[in-house]
Amino acid sequence: MPLNRFLNLPQEDKERVLGISKAQFAINGYDATSLNLLLKELEISKGQFYYWFEDKADLFFTVMQEGLDALRLRLDEHGHPTSATAYWNHMRESRLITERFWDDNGFVEIGQMVSQQIPPNHPIYERLAVCSAPLQSHFREGLRLGQEWGLVRTDLSIEILQKLTDGVGDAFYEPMLQTYTKGKPPTEETLLLHDLLGQTLRMILRPVDEDAMN
């Protein structure tokens, strides 16, 4: 995490540094982002950079953590489903809130970069998973409530269900991100994939209808 010397900067200065850095990581990718060129964009010296951050990874995760923390607050405001009748609409809205947040705050491009350039064997992959853990906890609670109300299958654990839905989400979002362009409406194919994603997630989560299996 950034050093306290960065955290103690005026908010406007912190937002400028993180905003420029986020744009550079999105454009160039994590590995190809040159620290020297980034410092030129930020108009700071290397000494100033290391006065604020440990290294490039520290800066990148500061950018990511800012977005993840803000999204967690937004999801906390939305809360968890309060009744069985509102369950599926509430869970769908949580997904839409997440998508709108990334779009409104310039993180879709970062998501594109991560999906294309940060495979599971990348040195920062595991750290990304740790950063997203609080969000995972939020959605796990939603799954737990669904099981409690008999709306989500219980023959699989919450941990397995989350891995399945995360994997399905990644598989759908990858082609959707490839056609994403800021400020342009989604393609017909993207809209179709988006609807199909919601249907697939619900199909995975719903309890198995034993009569239909016979």
Protein backbone atom coordinates (compact mmCIF):
# COMPACT_ATOMS: atom_id res chain seq x y z
CA MET A 1 0.00 0.00 0.00
CA PRO A 2 1.15 3.60 -0.53
CA LEU A 3 3.25 5.27 2.09
CA ASN A 4 1.58 7.64 4.52
CA ARG A 5 3.32 10.53 2.80
CA PHE A 6 1.08 9.94 -0.22
CA LEU A 7 -2.04 9.33 1.86
CA ASN A 8 -1.50 12.65 3.61
CA LEU A 9 -1.49 14.65 0.36
CA PRO A 10 -4.45 16.92 -0.42
CA GLN A 11 -7.28 14.93 -2.03
CA GLU A 12 -6.95 16.85 -5.30
CA ASP A 13 -3.28 15.88 -5.61
CA LYS A 14 -3.99 12.22 -4.86
CA GLU A 15 -6.80 12.11 -7.42
CA ARG A 16 -4.54 13.63 -10.07
CA VAL A 17 -1.77 11.06 -9.50
CA LEU A 18 -4.15 8.11 -9.44
CA GLY A 19 -6.20 9.35 -12.39
CA ILE A 20 -3.18 9.77 -14.66
CA SER A 21 -1.75 6.45 -13.52
CA LYS A 22 -5.04 4.62 -14.12
CA ALA A 23 -5.18 5.98 -17.67
CA GLN A 24 -1.59 4.94 -18.39
CA PHE A 25 -2.10 1.41 -17.07
CA ALA A 26 -5.28 1.07 -19.13
CA ILE A 27 -3.61 2.32 -22.33
CA ASN A 28 -0.25 0.60 -22.07
CA GLY A 29 -0.96 -2.40 -19.85
CA TYR A 30 0.70 -3.17 -16.56
CA ASP A 31 3.93 -4.72 -17.84
CA ALA A 32 4.43 -2.22 -20.67
CA THR A 33 3.83 0.87 -18.54
CA SER A 34 7.22 2.52 -18.27
CA LEU A 35 7.86 4.06 -14.89
CA ASN A 36 10.02 6.76 -16.48
CA LEU A 37 7.30 7.76 -18.95
CA LEU A 38 4.71 7.63 -16.18
CA LEU A 39 6.82 9.97 -14.07
CA LYS A 40 7.01 12.32 -17.04
CA GLU A 41 3.21 12.32 -17.30
CA LEU A 42 2.92 12.93 -13.56
CA GLU A 43 5.59 15.64 -13.73
CA ILE A 44 7.42 14.25 -10.71
CA SER A 45 10.93 12.92 -10.11
CA LYS A 46 11.83 9.32 -9.40
CA GLY A 47 12.79 10.37 -5.90
CA GLN A 48 9.34 11.89 -5.38
CA PHE A 49 7.72 8.71 -6.66
CA TYR A 50 9.59 6.51 -4.19
CA TYR A 51 8.77 9.01 -1.48
CA TRP A 52 5.11 8.06 -2.06
CA PHE A 53 5.17 4.43 -3.31
CA GLU A 54 7.32 1.35 -2.90
CA ASP A 55 7.30 0.46 -6.63
CA LYS A 56 5.13 0.34 -9.75
CA ALA A 57 3.06 -2.52 -8.34
CA ASP A 58 2.33 -0.47 -5.24
CA LEU A 59 1.01 2.35 -7.42
CA PHE A 60 -1.10 -0.04 -9.51
CA PHE A 61 -2.70 -1.61 -6.47
CA THR A 62 -3.34 1.81 -4.97
CA VAL A 63 -5.32 2.62 -8.11
CA MET A 64 -7.18 -0.68 -7.91
CA GLN A 65 -7.84 -0.45 -4.18
CA GLU A 66 -9.36 2.99 -4.56
CA GLY A 67 -11.87 1.62 -7.06
CA LEU A 68 -12.61 -1.56 -5.13
CA ASP A 69 -13.14 0.33 -1.87
CA ALA A 70 -15.52 2.79 -3.54
CA LEU A 71 -17.46 -0.04 -5.19
CA ARG A 72 -17.73 -1.89 -1.88
CA LEU A 73 -19.24 1.23 -0.30
CA ARG A 74 -21.74 1.48 -3.16
CA LEU A 75 -22.73 -2.17 -2.77
CA ASP A 76 -23.02 -1.75 1.00
CA GLU A 77 -25.45 1.10 0.35
CA HIS A 78 -27.46 -1.21 -1.89
CA GLY A 79 -27.34 -3.80 0.88
CA HIS A 80 -28.44 -7.41 0.77
CA PRO A 81 -31.82 -8.83 -0.28
CA THR A 82 -34.41 -8.35 2.45
CA SER A 83 -37.00 -10.86 1.24
CA ALA A 84 -37.31 -13.94 -0.94
CA THR A 85 -39.64 -12.17 -3.35
CA ALA A 86 -37.08 -9.44 -4.06
CA TYR A 87 -34.10 -11.78 -4.15
CA TRP A 88 -33.40 -12.23 -7.87
CA ASN A 89 -34.10 -8.60 -8.77
CA HIS A 90 -31.83 -7.47 -5.95
CA MET A 91 -28.99 -9.75 -7.03
CA ARG A 92 -29.36 -8.62 -10.65
CA GLU A 93 -29.24 -4.98 -9.55
CA SER A 94 -26.04 -5.69 -7.59
CA ARG A 95 -24.45 -6.94 -10.80
CA LEU A 96 -25.69 -3.90 -12.74
CA ILE A 97 -24.41 -1.54 -10.03
CA THR A 98 -20.99 -3.14 -10.35
CA GLU A 99 -20.99 -2.78 -14.13
CA ARG A 100 -22.17 0.85 -14.03
CA PHE A 101 -19.58 1.71 -11.40
CA TRP A 102 -16.69 0.36 -13.48
CA ASP A 103 -17.98 2.20 -16.55
CA ASP A 104 -18.62 5.52 -14.80
CA ASN A 105 -15.24 5.51 -13.03
CA GLY A 106 -13.00 4.47 -15.89
CA PHE A 107 -12.22 0.96 -14.69
CA VAL A 108 -13.63 -0.96 -17.66
CA GLU A 109 -10.42 -0.28 -19.57
CA ILE A 110 -8.42 -1.58 -16.59
CA GLY A 111 -10.65 -4.66 -16.63
CA GLN A 112 -9.90 -5.14 -20.32
CA MET A 113 -6.20 -4.94 -19.63
CA VAL A 114 -6.32 -7.36 -16.69
CA SER A 115 -8.39 -9.95 -18.57
CA GLN A 116 -6.04 -9.86 -21.57
CA GLN A 117 -2.64 -9.40 -19.95
CA ILE A 118 -2.72 -10.76 -16.38
CA PRO A 119 -2.99 -14.59 -16.56
CA PRO A 120 -3.09 -16.74 -13.40
CA ASN A 121 0.70 -17.22 -13.49
CA HIS A 122 1.40 -13.46 -13.57
CA PRO A 123 3.29 -12.17 -10.49
CA ILE A 124 0.47 -9.78 -9.50
CA TYR A 125 -2.45 -12.18 -10.12
CA GLU A 126 -2.73 -13.46 -6.56
CA ARG A 127 -2.53 -9.96 -5.14
CA LEU A 128 -5.44 -8.94 -7.36
CA ALA A 129 -7.47 -11.79 -5.88
CA VAL A 130 -6.67 -10.56 -2.38
CA CYS A 131 -7.78 -7.03 -3.27
CA SER A 132 -11.15 -8.27 -4.50
CA ALA A 133 -11.80 -10.44 -1.42
CA PRO A 134 -14.14 -7.91 0.31
CA LEU A 135 -16.34 -7.83 -2.81
CA GLN A 136 -16.40 -11.62 -2.87
CA SER A 137 -17.56 -11.57 0.75
CA HIS A 138 -20.47 -9.29 -0.18
CA PHE A 139 -21.71 -11.66 -2.88
CA ARG A 140 -21.18 -14.72 -0.69
CA GLU A 141 -23.62 -13.25 1.80
CA GLY A 142 -26.15 -12.90 -1.00
CA LEU A 143 -25.70 -16.56 -1.88
CA ARG A 144 -26.09 -17.55 1.77
CA LEU A 145 -29.41 -15.72 2.00
CA GLY A 146 -30.55 -17.36 -1.22
CA GLN A 147 -29.82 -20.79 0.24
CA GLU A 148 -31.59 -19.88 3.47
CA TRP A 149 -34.73 -18.94 1.55
CA GLY A 150 -34.61 -22.03 -0.67
CA LEU A 151 -33.86 -20.00 -3.81
CA VAL A 152 -30.25 -21.11 -4.30
CA ARG A 153 -29.18 -24.74 -4.51
CA THR A 154 -27.66 -26.27 -1.41
CA ASP A 155 -26.17 -29.40 -2.95
CA LEU A 156 -23.09 -27.30 -3.73
CA SER A 157 -21.24 -25.16 -1.21
CA ILE A 158 -21.25 -21.38 -1.38
CA GLU A 159 -17.53 -21.47 -2.16
CA ILE A 160 -18.09 -23.76 -5.17
CA LEU A 161 -21.07 -21.73 -6.37
CA GLN A 162 -19.03 -18.55 -6.20
CA LYS A 163 -16.17 -20.10 -8.17
CA LEU A 164 -18.63 -21.33 -10.79
CA THR A 165 -20.41 -18.00 -11.16
CA ASP A 166 -17.13 -16.07 -11.18
CA GLY A 167 -15.79 -18.33 -13.90
CA VAL A 168 -18.94 -18.00 -15.98
CA GLY A 169 -18.89 -14.23 -15.51
CA ASP A 170 -15.27 -14.04 -16.67
CA ALA A 171 -16.08 -16.15 -19.73
CA PHE A 172 -18.94 -13.83 -20.73
CA TYR A 173 -17.28 -10.53 -19.85
CA GLU A 174 -14.13 -11.30 -21.85
CA PRO A 175 -15.80 -11.03 -25.30
CA MET A 176 -17.99 -8.16 -24.06
CA LEU A 177 -14.91 -6.21 -22.96
CA GLN A 178 -13.25 -6.78 -26.32
CA THR A 179 -15.99 -4.78 -28.05
CA TYR A 180 -16.26 -2.09 -25.35
CA THR A 181 -15.58 1.50 -26.39
CA LYS A 182 -16.05 4.34 -23.93
CA GLY A 183 -18.98 6.56 -24.89
CA LYS A 184 -20.35 4.20 -27.55
CA PRO A 185 -23.49 2.07 -27.10
CA PRO A 186 -22.95 -1.69 -26.72
CA THR A 187 -23.29 -3.84 -29.81
CA GLU A 188 -26.30 -6.10 -30.35
CA GLU A 189 -24.06 -9.09 -29.70
CA THR A 190 -22.90 -7.59 -26.39
CA LEU A 191 -26.49 -6.99 -25.29
CA LEU A 192 -27.35 -10.58 -26.18
CA LEU A 193 -24.36 -11.87 -24.21
CA HIS A 194 -25.33 -9.71 -21.25
CA ASP A 195 -28.86 -11.14 -21.16
CA LEU A 196 -27.53 -14.66 -21.62
CA LEU A 197 -25.11 -14.15 -18.73
CA GLY A 198 -27.97 -13.32 -16.36
CA GLN A 199 -29.95 -16.36 -17.50
CA THR A 200 -26.91 -18.63 -17.14
CA LEU A 201 -26.08 -17.42 -13.65
CA ARG A 202 -29.64 -17.99 -12.48
CA MET A 203 -29.71 -21.44 -14.07
CA ILE A 204 -26.53 -22.40 -12.19
CA LEU A 205 -27.80 -21.09 -8.87
CA ARG A 206 -31.39 -22.29 -8.86
CA PRO A 207 -32.14 -25.53 -6.98
CA VAL A 208 -32.29 -28.62 -9.14
CA ASP A 209 -35.86 -29.59 -10.03
CA GLU A 210 -35.85 -33.29 -9.20
CA ASP A 211 -39.06 -33.91 -11.19
CA ALA A 212 -37.40 -32.48 -14.31
CA MET A 213 -34.46 -34.83 -13.83
CA ASN A 214 -36.65 -37.95 -13.92
